[in-house]
C-alpha cells in the first residue's frame, strides 16, 4: 500500500482550519489544526507533549477510535495537554469545540 496524504481546508463556524489525513499501512493519522494548536487521532502522545516537550507550550487534544476527519471533529477528546487545559479545553470536550477555543 502506498502512503497517501490529503490536505483539506475547512471552516468551523466561519473560522479556517487545515485537516490532514495520512493513510499508512494498517492505520490512518488524522489532524485538524490552526496556527495555535491542533486535535489529532489516538497516535498523539499527550504525555510526551506534557513532559518532555512542556517548554513548547503546545495546545493539543487527542481523540481515540476515530477513522475520519468528520469523526475527529465530533469525537470527545480523550486527553489534552496542560496548555490546552489552561485555556478551557478538557477531556470529554468535542473536537470542534476544542478547536474553536484555540483561536
PDB file of N, CA and C in Angstrom:
ATOM      1  N   UNK A   1       0.841  -1.180   0.000  1.00  0.00           N
ATOM      2  CA  UNK A   1       0.000   0.000   0.000  1.00  0.00           C
ATOM      3  C   UNK A   1       0.881   1.236   0.000  1.00  0.00           C
ATOM      4  N   UNK A   2       0.538   2.161  -0.817  1.00  0.00           N
ATOM      5  CA  UNK A   2       1.275   3.415  -0.903  1.00  0.00           C
ATOM      6  C   UNK A   2       0.697   4.426   0.094  1.00  0.00           C
ATOM      7  N   UNK A   3       1.553   5.155   0.781  1.00  0.00           N
ATOM      8  CA  UNK A   3       1.100   6.194   1.698  1.00  0.00           C
ATOM      9  C   UNK A   3       0.440   7.314   0.902  1.00  0.00           C
ATOM     10  N   UNK A   4      -0.721   7.750   1.361  1.00  0.00           N
ATOM     11  CA  UNK A   4      -1.457   8.813   0.694  1.00  0.00           C
ATOM     12  C   UNK A   4      -1.697   9.924   1.715  1.00  0.00           C
ATOM     13  N   UNK A   5      -1.374  11.140   1.332  1.00  0.00           N
ATOM     14  CA  UNK A   5      -1.575  12.297   2.196  1.00  0.00           C
ATOM     15  C   UNK A   5      -2.591  13.220   1.534  1.00  0.00           C
ATOM     16  N   UNK A   6      -3.606  13.624   2.285  1.00  0.00           N
ATOM     17  CA  UNK A   6      -4.553  14.608   1.766  1.00  0.00           C
ATOM     18  C   UNK A   6      -4.655  15.773   2.742  1.00  0.00           C
ATOM     19  N   UNK A   7      -4.725  16.959   2.166  1.00  0.00           N
ATOM     20  CA  UNK A   7      -4.838  18.187   2.941  1.00  0.00           C
ATOM     21  C   UNK A   7      -6.093  18.910   2.473  1.00  0.00           C
ATOM     22  N   UNK A   8      -6.890  19.326   3.441  1.00  0.00           N
ATOM     23  CA  UNK A   8      -8.157  19.960   3.119  1.00  0.00           C
ATOM     24  C   UNK A   8      -8.340  21.176   4.019  1.00  0.00           C
ATOM     25  N   UNK A   9      -8.765  22.272   3.432  1.00  0.00           N
ATOM     26  CA  UNK A   9      -9.097  23.451   4.223  1.00  0.00           C
ATOM     27  C   UNK A   9     -10.558  23.332   4.612  1.00  0.00           C
ATOM     28  N   UNK A  10     -10.870  23.616   5.873  1.00  0.00           N
ATOM     29  CA  UNK A  10     -12.251  23.564   6.309  1.00  0.00           C
ATOM     30  C   UNK A  10     -12.538  24.720   7.237  1.00  0.00           C
ATOM     31  N   UNK A  11     -13.815  24.991   7.414  1.00  0.00           N
ATOM     32  CA  UNK A  11     -14.240  26.058   8.310  1.00  0.00           C
ATOM     33  C   UNK A  11     -15.138  25.489   9.393  1.00  0.00           C
ATOM     34  N   UNK A  12     -14.953  25.990  10.598  1.00  0.00           N
ATOM     35  CA  UNK A  12     -15.822  25.673  11.722  1.00  0.00           C
ATOM     36  C   UNK A  12     -16.335  27.012  12.228  1.00  0.00           C
ATOM     37  N   UNK A  13     -17.626  27.208  12.138  1.00  0.00           N
ATOM     38  CA  UNK A  13     -18.257  28.481  12.493  1.00  0.00           C
ATOM     39  C   UNK A  13     -17.532  29.654  11.850  1.00  0.00           C
ATOM     40  N   UNK A  14     -17.193  29.507  10.573  1.00  0.00           N
ATOM     41  CA  UNK A  14     -16.564  30.574   9.804  1.00  0.00           C
ATOM     42  C   UNK A  14     -15.077  30.756  10.047  1.00  0.00           C
ATOM     43  N   UNK A  15     -14.488  29.919  10.903  1.00  0.00           N
ATOM     44  CA  UNK A  15     -13.054  30.021  11.220  1.00  0.00           C
ATOM     45  C   UNK A  15     -12.270  28.983  10.415  1.00  0.00           C
ATOM     46  N   UNK A  16     -11.123  29.380   9.846  1.00  0.00           N
ATOM     47  CA  UNK A  16     -10.362  28.467   8.990  1.00  0.00           C
ATOM     48  C   UNK A  16      -9.490  27.481   9.781  1.00  0.00           C
ATOM     49  N   UNK A  17      -9.473  26.229   9.311  1.00  0.00           N
ATOM     50  CA  UNK A  17      -8.633  25.177   9.858  1.00  0.00           C
ATOM     51  C   UNK A  17      -8.092  24.335   8.709  1.00  0.00           C
ATOM     52  N   UNK A  18      -7.061  23.574   8.978  1.00  0.00           N
ATOM     53  CA  UNK A  18      -6.500  22.666   7.995  1.00  0.00           C
ATOM     54  C   UNK A  18      -6.618  21.233   8.513  1.00  0.00           C
ATOM     55  N   UNK A  19      -7.170  20.365   7.691  1.00  0.00           N
ATOM     56  CA  UNK A  19      -7.306  18.950   8.033  1.00  0.00           C
ATOM     57  C   UNK A  19      -6.297  18.155   7.207  1.00  0.00           C
ATOM     58  N   UNK A  20      -5.556  17.287   7.879  1.00  0.00           N
ATOM     59  CA  UNK A  20      -4.569  16.446   7.198  1.00  0.00           C
ATOM     60  C   UNK A  20      -4.872  14.984   7.527  1.00  0.00           C
ATOM     61  N   UNK A  21      -4.933  14.186   6.480  1.00  0.00           N
ATOM     62  CA  UNK A  21      -5.127  12.744   6.609  1.00  0.00           C
ATOM     63  C   UNK A  21      -3.924  12.060   5.980  1.00  0.00           C
ATOM     64  N   UNK A  22      -3.300  11.169   6.737  1.00  0.00           N
ATOM     65  CA  UNK A  22      -2.166  10.392   6.221  1.00  0.00           C
ATOM     66  C   UNK A  22      -2.551   8.921   6.322  1.00  0.00           C
ATOM     67  N   UNK A  23      -2.745   8.297   5.181  1.00  0.00           N
ATOM     68  CA  UNK A  23      -3.092   6.873   5.155  1.00  0.00           C
ATOM     69  C   UNK A  23      -1.808   6.053   5.110  1.00  0.00           C
ATOM     70  N   UNK A  24      -1.596   5.293   6.163  1.00  0.00           N
ATOM     71  CA  UNK A  24      -0.416   4.447   6.306  1.00  0.00           C
ATOM     72  C   UNK A  24      -0.856   2.984   6.331  1.00  0.00           C
ATOM     73  N   UNK A  25       0.070   2.065   6.178  1.00  0.00           N
ATOM     74  CA  UNK A  25      -0.311   0.659   6.309  1.00  0.00           C
ATOM     75  C   UNK A  25      -0.914   0.403   7.694  1.00  0.00           C
ATOM     76  N   UNK A  26      -2.111  -0.131   7.712  1.00  0.00           N
ATOM     77  CA  UNK A  26      -2.820  -0.557   8.920  1.00  0.00           C
ATOM     78  C   UNK A  26      -3.252   0.570   9.851  1.00  0.00           C
ATOM     79  N   UNK A  27      -3.080   1.824   9.452  1.00  0.00           N
ATOM     80  CA  UNK A  27      -3.557   2.930  10.289  1.00  0.00           C
ATOM     81  C   UNK A  27      -3.701   4.194   9.452  1.00  0.00           C
ATOM     82  N   UNK A  28      -4.431   5.137   9.989  1.00  0.00           N
ATOM     83  CA  UNK A  28      -4.589   6.447   9.360  1.00  0.00           C
ATOM     84  C   UNK A  28      -4.350   7.507  10.426  1.00  0.00           C
ATOM     85  N   UNK A  29      -3.488   8.467  10.132  1.00  0.00           N
ATOM     86  CA  UNK A  29      -3.248   9.588  11.033  1.00  0.00           C
ATOM     87  C   UNK A  29      -4.163  10.735  10.629  1.00  0.00           C
ATOM     88  N   UNK A  30      -4.801  11.353  11.605  1.00  0.00           N
ATOM     89  CA  UNK A  30      -5.738  12.447  11.358  1.00  0.00           C
ATOM     90  C   UNK A  30      -5.386  13.626  12.240  1.00  0.00           C
ATOM     91  N   UNK A  31      -5.411  14.826  11.681  1.00  0.00           N
ATOM     92  CA  UNK A  31      -5.213  16.022  12.482  1.00  0.00           C
ATOM     93  C   UNK A  31      -5.975  17.195  11.870  1.00  0.00           C
ATOM     94  N   UNK A  32      -6.458  18.061  12.748  1.00  0.00           N
ATOM     95  CA  UNK A  32      -7.077  19.321  12.331  1.00  0.00           C
ATOM     96  C   UNK A  32      -6.395  20.401  13.144  1.00  0.00           C
ATOM     97  N   UNK A  33      -5.930  21.455  12.460  1.00  0.00           N
ATOM     98  CA  UNK A  33      -5.139  22.470  13.157  1.00  0.00           C
ATOM     99  C   UNK A  33      -5.432  23.878  12.657  1.00  0.00           C
ATOM    100  N   UNK A  34      -4.956  24.825  13.451  1.00  0.00           N
ATOM    101  CA  UNK A  34      -4.847  26.225  13.027  1.00  0.00           C
ATOM    102  C   UNK A  34      -3.464  26.683  13.474  1.00  0.00           C
ATOM    103  N   UNK A  35      -3.210  27.975  13.450  1.00  0.00           N
ATOM    104  CA  UNK A  35      -1.883  28.480  13.811  1.00  0.00           C
ATOM    105  C   UNK A  35      -1.551  28.315  15.289  1.00  0.00           C
ATOM    106  N   UNK A  36      -2.561  28.050  16.122  1.00  0.00           N
ATOM    107  CA  UNK A  36      -2.345  28.000  17.567  1.00  0.00           C
ATOM    108  C   UNK A  36      -2.268  26.600  18.159  1.00  0.00           C
ATOM    109  N   UNK A  37      -2.938  25.625  17.545  1.00  0.00           N
ATOM    110  CA  UNK A  37      -2.970  24.290  18.126  1.00  0.00           C
ATOM    111  C   UNK A  37      -3.630  23.290  17.218  1.00  0.00           C
ATOM    112  N   UNK A  38      -3.901  22.094  17.771  1.00  0.00           N
ATOM    113  CA  UNK A  38      -4.471  21.029  16.949  1.00  0.00           C
ATOM    114  C   UNK A  38      -5.126  19.952  17.787  1.00  0.00           C
ATOM    115  N   UNK A  39      -5.989  19.195  17.106  1.00  0.00           N
ATOM    116  CA  UNK A  39      -6.500  17.953  17.654  1.00  0.00           C
ATOM    117  C   UNK A  39      -6.025  16.844  16.719  1.00  0.00           C
ATOM    118  N   UNK A  40      -5.909  15.634  17.275  1.00  0.00           N
ATOM    119  CA  UNK A  40      -5.362  14.535  16.491  1.00  0.00           C
ATOM    120  C   UNK A  40      -5.973  13.222  16.953  1.00  0.00           C
ATOM    121  N   UNK A  41      -5.790  12.219  16.131  1.00  0.00           N
ATOM    122  CA  UNK A  41      -6.251  10.870  16.459  1.00  0.00           C
ATOM    123  C   UNK A  41      -5.410  10.287  17.591  1.00  0.00           C
ATOM    124  N   UNK A  42      -5.661   9.043  17.918  1.00  0.00           N
ATOM    125  CA  UNK A  42      -5.008   8.369  19.024  1.00  0.00           C
ATOM    126  C   UNK A  42      -3.504   8.242  18.928  1.00  0.00           C
ATOM    127  N   UNK A  43      -2.917   8.529  17.768  1.00  0.00           N
ATOM    128  CA  UNK A  43      -1.463   8.439  17.624  1.00  0.00           C
ATOM    129  C   UNK A  43      -0.727   9.545  18.390  1.00  0.00           C
ATOM    130  N   UNK A  44      -1.445  10.575  18.803  1.00  0.00           N
ATOM    131  CA  UNK A  44      -0.827  11.680  19.524  1.00  0.00           C
ATOM    132  C   UNK A  44      -0.426  11.246  20.932  1.00  0.00           C
ATOM    133  N   UNK A  45       0.783  11.544  21.320  1.00  0.00           N
ATOM    134  CA  UNK A  45       1.289  11.202  22.654  1.00  0.00           C
ATOM    135  C   UNK A  45       1.213  12.443  23.546  1.00  0.00           C
ATOM    136  N   UNK A  46       0.072  12.642  24.181  1.00  0.00           N
ATOM    137  CA  UNK A  46      -0.139  13.810  25.044  1.00  0.00           C
ATOM    138  C   UNK A  46       0.843  13.802  26.209  1.00  0.00           C
ATOM    139  N   UNK A  47       1.131  12.640  26.752  1.00  0.00           N
ATOM    140  CA  UNK A  47       2.088  12.540  27.854  1.00  0.00           C
ATOM    141  C   UNK A  47       3.450  13.093  27.469  1.00  0.00           C
ATOM    142  N   UNK A  48       3.913  12.780  26.281  1.00  0.00           N
ATOM    143  CA  UNK A  48       5.188  13.300  25.798  1.00  0.00           C
ATOM    144  C   UNK A  48       5.141  14.821  25.664  1.00  0.00           C
ATOM    145  N   UNK A  49       4.040  15.343  25.122  1.00  0.00           N
ATOM    146  CA  UNK A  49       3.913  16.795  24.974  1.00  0.00           C
ATOM    147  C   UNK A  49       3.922  17.485  26.329  1.00  0.00           C
ATOM    148  N   UNK A  50       3.288  16.860  27.332  1.00  0.00           N
ATOM    149  CA  UNK A  50       3.215  17.454  28.668  1.00  0.00           C
ATOM    150  C   UNK A  50       4.510  17.331  29.457  1.00  0.00           C
ATOM    151  N   UNK A  51       5.329  16.346  29.139  1.00  0.00           N
ATOM    152  CA  UNK A  51       6.546  16.138  29.926  1.00  0.00           C
ATOM    153  C   UNK A  51       7.781  16.625  29.165  1.00  0.00           C
ATOM    154  N   UNK A  52       8.207  15.884  28.213  1.00  0.00           N
ATOM    155  CA  UNK A  52       9.477  16.188  27.540  1.00  0.00           C
ATOM    156  C   UNK A  52       9.425  17.425  26.654  1.00  0.00           C
ATOM    157  N   UNK A  53       8.221  17.794  26.196  1.00  0.00           N
ATOM    158  CA  UNK A  53       8.104  18.968  25.322  1.00  0.00           C
ATOM    159  C   UNK A  53       7.317  20.096  25.979  1.00  0.00           C
ATOM    160  N   UNK A  54       7.219  20.076  27.294  1.00  0.00           N
ATOM    161  CA  UNK A  54       6.414  21.062  28.025  1.00  0.00           C
ATOM    162  C   UNK A  54       6.842  22.492  27.736  1.00  0.00           C
ATOM    163  N   UNK A  55       8.130  22.710  27.523  1.00  0.00           N
ATOM    164  CA  UNK A  55       8.622  24.063  27.273  1.00  0.00           C
ATOM    165  C   UNK A  55       8.066  24.660  25.974  1.00  0.00           C
ATOM    166  N   UNK A  56       7.520  23.835  25.101  1.00  0.00           N
ATOM    167  CA  UNK A  56       6.946  24.311  23.834  1.00  0.00           C
ATOM    168  C   UNK A  56       5.523  24.833  23.999  1.00  0.00           C
ATOM    169  N   UNK A  57       4.892  24.541  25.142  1.00  0.00           N
ATOM    170  CA  UNK A  57       3.540  25.026  25.456  1.00  0.00           C
ATOM    171  C   UNK A  57       2.540  24.715  24.333  1.00  0.00           C
ATOM    172  N   UNK A  58       2.475  23.451  23.948  1.00  0.00           N
ATOM    173  CA  UNK A  58       1.652  23.009  22.821  1.00  0.00           C
ATOM    174  C   UNK A  58       0.187  22.876  23.227  1.00  0.00           C
ATOM    175  N   UNK A  59      -0.688  23.500  22.433  1.00  0.00           N
ATOM    176  CA  UNK A  59      -2.131  23.350  22.589  1.00  0.00           C
ATOM    177  C   UNK A  59      -2.550  22.161  21.741  1.00  0.00           C
ATOM    178  N   UNK A  60      -3.002  21.072  22.359  1.00  0.00           N
ATOM    179  CA  UNK A  60      -3.386  19.887  21.597  1.00  0.00           C
ATOM    180  C   UNK A  60      -4.351  19.018  22.377  1.00  0.00           C
ATOM    181  N   UNK A  61      -5.121  18.247  21.610  1.00  0.00           N
ATOM    182  CA  UNK A  61      -6.027  17.277  22.196  1.00  0.00           C
ATOM    183  C   UNK A  61      -6.034  16.008  21.370  1.00  0.00           C
ATOM    184  N   UNK A  62      -6.405  14.911  22.027  1.00  0.00           N
ATOM    185  CA  UNK A  62      -6.363  13.589  21.391  1.00  0.00           C
ATOM    186  C   UNK A  62      -7.727  12.913  21.494  1.00  0.00           C
ATOM    187  N   UNK A  63      -8.208  12.407  20.362  1.00  0.00           N
ATOM    188  CA  UNK A  63      -9.427  11.600  20.330  1.00  0.00           C
ATOM    189  C   UNK A  63      -9.045  10.205  19.861  1.00  0.00           C
ATOM    190  N   UNK A  64      -9.629   9.196  20.466  1.00  0.00           N
ATOM    191  CA  UNK A  64      -9.302   7.816  20.087  1.00  0.00           C
ATOM    192  C   UNK A  64     -10.481   7.160  19.383  1.00  0.00           C
ATOM    193  N   UNK A  65     -10.168   6.173  18.548  1.00  0.00           N
ATOM    194  CA  UNK A  65     -11.205   5.422  17.856  1.00  0.00           C
ATOM    195  C   UNK A  65     -11.821   6.121  16.667  1.00  0.00           C
ATOM    196  N   UNK A  66     -11.182   7.174  16.175  1.00  0.00           N
ATOM    197  CA  UNK A  66     -11.723   7.904  15.026  1.00  0.00           C
ATOM    198  C   UNK A  66     -11.042   7.433  13.747  1.00  0.00           C
ATOM    199  N   UNK A  67     -11.802   7.442  12.663  1.00  0.00           N
ATOM    200  CA  UNK A  67     -11.262   6.962  11.394  1.00  0.00           C
ATOM    201  C   UNK A  67     -11.350   7.984  10.277  1.00  0.00           C
ATOM    202  N   UNK A  68     -12.049   9.098  10.521  1.00  0.00           N
ATOM    203  CA  UNK A  68     -12.195  10.147   9.516  1.00  0.00           C
ATOM    204  C   UNK A  68     -12.069  11.512  10.186  1.00  0.00           C
ATOM    205  N   UNK A  69     -11.839  12.518   9.386  1.00  0.00           N
ATOM    206  CA  UNK A  69     -11.784  13.889   9.915  1.00  0.00           C
ATOM    207  C   UNK A  69     -13.125  14.252  10.545  1.00  0.00           C
ATOM    208  N   UNK A  70     -14.217  13.865   9.923  1.00  0.00           N
ATOM    209  CA  UNK A  70     -15.543  14.167  10.469  1.00  0.00           C
ATOM    210  C   UNK A  70     -15.714  13.554  11.858  1.00  0.00           C
ATOM    211  N   UNK A  71     -15.273  12.316  12.020  1.00  0.00           N
ATOM    212  CA  UNK A  71     -15.349  11.678  13.336  1.00  0.00           C
ATOM    213  C   UNK A  71     -14.464  12.394  14.346  1.00  0.00           C
ATOM    214  N   UNK A  72     -13.281  12.824  13.925  1.00  0.00           N
ATOM    215  CA  UNK A  72     -12.376  13.551  14.816  1.00  0.00           C
ATOM    216  C   UNK A  72     -13.026  14.842  15.311  1.00  0.00           C
ATOM    217  N   UNK A  73     -13.707  15.543  14.436  1.00  0.00           N
ATOM    218  CA  UNK A  73     -14.363  16.796  14.816  1.00  0.00           C
ATOM    219  C   UNK A  73     -15.503  16.580  15.802  1.00  0.00           C
ATOM    220  N   UNK A  74     -16.177  15.437  15.726  1.00  0.00           N
ATOM    221  CA  UNK A  74     -17.340  15.170  16.564  1.00  0.00           C
ATOM    222  C   UNK A  74     -17.027  14.354  17.814  1.00  0.00           C
ATOM    223  N   UNK A  75     -15.845  13.781  17.878  1.00  0.00           N
ATOM    224  CA  UNK A  75     -15.496  12.890  18.991  1.00  0.00           C
ATOM    225  C   UNK A  75     -15.127  13.667  20.253  1.00  0.00           C
ATOM    226  N   UNK A  76     -15.423  13.082  21.419  1.00  0.00           N
ATOM    227  CA  UNK A  76     -14.928  13.685  22.662  1.00  0.00           C
ATOM    228  C   UNK A  76     -13.428  13.434  22.778  1.00  0.00           C
ATOM    229  N   UNK A  77     -12.713  14.427  23.254  1.00  0.00           N
ATOM    230  CA  UNK A  77     -11.272  14.280  23.435  1.00  0.00           C
ATOM    231  C   UNK A  77     -10.998  13.369  24.627  1.00  0.00           C
ATOM    232  N   UNK A  78     -10.075  12.461  24.444  1.00  0.00           N
ATOM    233  CA  UNK A  78      -9.705  11.509  25.492  1.00  0.00           C
ATOM    234  C   UNK A  78      -8.678  12.123  26.435  1.00  0.00           C
ATOM    235  N   UNK A  79      -7.806  12.970  25.888  1.00  0.00           N
ATOM    236  CA  UNK A  79      -6.802  13.653  26.708  1.00  0.00           C
ATOM    237  C   UNK A  79      -6.408  14.950  26.025  1.00  0.00           C
ATOM    238  N   UNK A  80      -5.896  15.881  26.823  1.00  0.00           N
ATOM    239  CA  UNK A  80      -5.473  17.191  26.310  1.00  0.00           C
ATOM    240  C   UNK A  80      -4.179  17.595  27.014  1.00  0.00           C
ATOM    241  N   UNK A  81      -3.455  18.512  26.415  1.00  0.00           N
ATOM    242  CA  UNK A  81      -2.223  18.986  27.033  1.00  0.00           C
ATOM    243  C   UNK A  81      -2.539  19.950  28.176  1.00  0.00           C
ATOM    244  N   UNK A  82      -1.555  20.161  29.010  1.00  0.00           N
ATOM    245  CA  UNK A  82      -1.679  21.106  30.120  1.00  0.00           C
ATOM    246  C   UNK A  82      -1.999  22.501  29.590  1.00  0.00           C
ATOM    247  N   UNK A  83      -1.364  22.882  28.501  1.00  0.00           N
ATOM    248  CA  UNK A  83      -1.612  24.203  27.901  1.00  0.00           C
ATOM    249  C   UNK A  83      -3.043  24.320  27.399  1.00  0.00           C
ATOM    250  N   UNK A  84      -3.585  23.234  26.840  1.00  0.00           N
ATOM    251  CA  UNK A  84      -4.973  23.252  26.384  1.00  0.00           C
ATOM    252  C   UNK A  84      -5.921  23.408  27.573  1.00  0.00           C
ATOM    253  N   UNK A  85      -5.641  22.689  28.657  1.00  0.00           N
ATOM    254  CA  UNK A  85      -6.466  22.825  29.863  1.00  0.00           C
ATOM    255  C   UNK A  85      -6.458  24.258  30.374  1.00  0.00           C
ATOM    256  N   UNK A  86      -5.332  24.924  30.249  1.00  0.00           N
ATOM    257  CA  UNK A  86      -5.193  26.296  30.755  1.00  0.00           C
ATOM    258  C   UNK A  86      -6.113  27.277  30.028  1.00  0.00           C
ATOM    259  N   UNK A  87      -6.541  26.936  28.805  1.00  0.00           N
ATOM    260  CA  UNK A  87      -7.448  27.833  28.077  1.00  0.00           C
ATOM    261  C   UNK A  87      -8.875  27.286  28.037  1.00  0.00           C
ATOM    262  N   UNK A  88      -9.162  26.273  28.861  1.00  0.00           N
ATOM    263  CA  UNK A  88     -10.531  25.785  28.993  1.00  0.00           C
ATOM    264  C   UNK A  88     -10.885  24.571  28.160  1.00  0.00           C
ATOM    265  N   UNK A  89      -9.914  23.907  27.585  1.00  0.00           N
ATOM    266  CA  UNK A  89     -10.160  22.665  26.849  1.00  0.00           C
ATOM    267  C   UNK A  89      -9.978  21.516  27.836  1.00  0.00           C
ATOM    268  N   UNK A  90     -10.869  20.530  27.795  1.00  0.00           N
ATOM    269  CA  UNK A  90     -10.816  19.464  28.788  1.00  0.00           C
ATOM    270  C   UNK A  90     -11.178  18.119  28.150  1.00  0.00           C
ATOM    271  N   UNK A  91     -10.737  17.017  28.755  1.00  0.00           N
ATOM    272  CA  UNK A  91     -11.136  15.701  28.264  1.00  0.00           C
ATOM    273  C   UNK A  91     -12.660  15.591  28.270  1.00  0.00           C
ATOM    274  N   UNK A  92     -13.200  15.029  27.196  1.00  0.00           N
ATOM    275  CA  UNK A  92     -14.649  14.919  27.052  1.00  0.00           C
ATOM    276  C   UNK A  92     -15.227  15.994  26.151  1.00  0.00           C
ATOM    277  N   UNK A  93     -14.499  17.090  25.967  1.00  0.00           N
ATOM    278  CA  UNK A  93     -14.949  18.156  25.074  1.00  0.00           C
ATOM    279  C   UNK A  93     -14.912  17.648  23.633  1.00  0.00           C
ATOM    280  N   UNK A  94     -15.902  18.013  22.851  1.00  0.00           N
ATOM    281  CA  UNK A  94     -15.971  17.621  21.438  1.00  0.00           C
ATOM    282  C   UNK A  94     -14.839  18.330  20.665  1.00  0.00           C
ATOM    283  N   UNK A  95     -14.231  17.611  19.733  1.00  0.00           N
ATOM    284  CA  UNK A  95     -13.085  18.120  18.985  1.00  0.00           C
ATOM    285  C   UNK A  95     -13.274  19.497  18.385  1.00  0.00           C
ATOM    286  N   UNK A  96     -14.381  19.716  17.679  1.00  0.00           N
ATOM    287  CA  UNK A  96     -14.566  21.022  17.035  1.00  0.00           C
ATOM    288  C   UNK A  96     -14.720  22.138  18.052  1.00  0.00           C
ATOM    289  N   UNK A  97     -15.300  21.855  19.210  1.00  0.00           N
ATOM    290  CA  UNK A  97     -15.408  22.870  20.258  1.00  0.00           C
ATOM    291  C   UNK A  97     -14.031  23.232  20.807  1.00  0.00           C
ATOM    292  N   UNK A  98     -13.176  22.222  20.951  1.00  0.00           N
ATOM    293  CA  UNK A  98     -11.809  22.477  21.406  1.00  0.00           C
ATOM    294  C   UNK A  98     -11.065  23.346  20.399  1.00  0.00           C
ATOM    295  N   UNK A  99     -11.227  23.058  19.121  1.00  0.00           N
ATOM    296  CA  UNK A  99     -10.555  23.859  18.095  1.00  0.00           C
ATOM    297  C   UNK A  99     -10.976  25.322  18.160  1.00  0.00           C
ATOM    298  N   UNK A 100     -12.256  25.565  18.397  1.00  0.00           N
ATOM    299  CA  UNK A 100     -12.732  26.951  18.475  1.00  0.00           C
ATOM    300  C   UNK A 100     -12.134  27.687  19.671  1.00  0.00           C
ATOM    301  N   UNK A 101     -11.774  26.973  20.721  1.00  0.00           N
ATOM    302  CA  UNK A 101     -11.112  27.608  21.871  1.00  0.00           C
ATOM    303  C   UNK A 101      -9.639  27.922  21.563  1.00  0.00           C
ATOM    304  N   UNK A 102      -9.116  27.339  20.502  1.00  0.00           N
ATOM    305  CA  UNK A 102      -7.706  27.565  20.138  1.00  0.00           C
ATOM    306  C   UNK A 102      -7.525  28.784  19.239  1.00  0.00           C
ATOM    307  N   UNK A 103      -8.571  29.541  19.016  1.00  0.00           N
ATOM    308  CA  UNK A 103      -8.460  30.717  18.139  1.00  0.00           C
ATOM    309  C   UNK A 103      -7.681  31.838  18.779  1.00  0.00           C
TER     310      UNK A 103
END
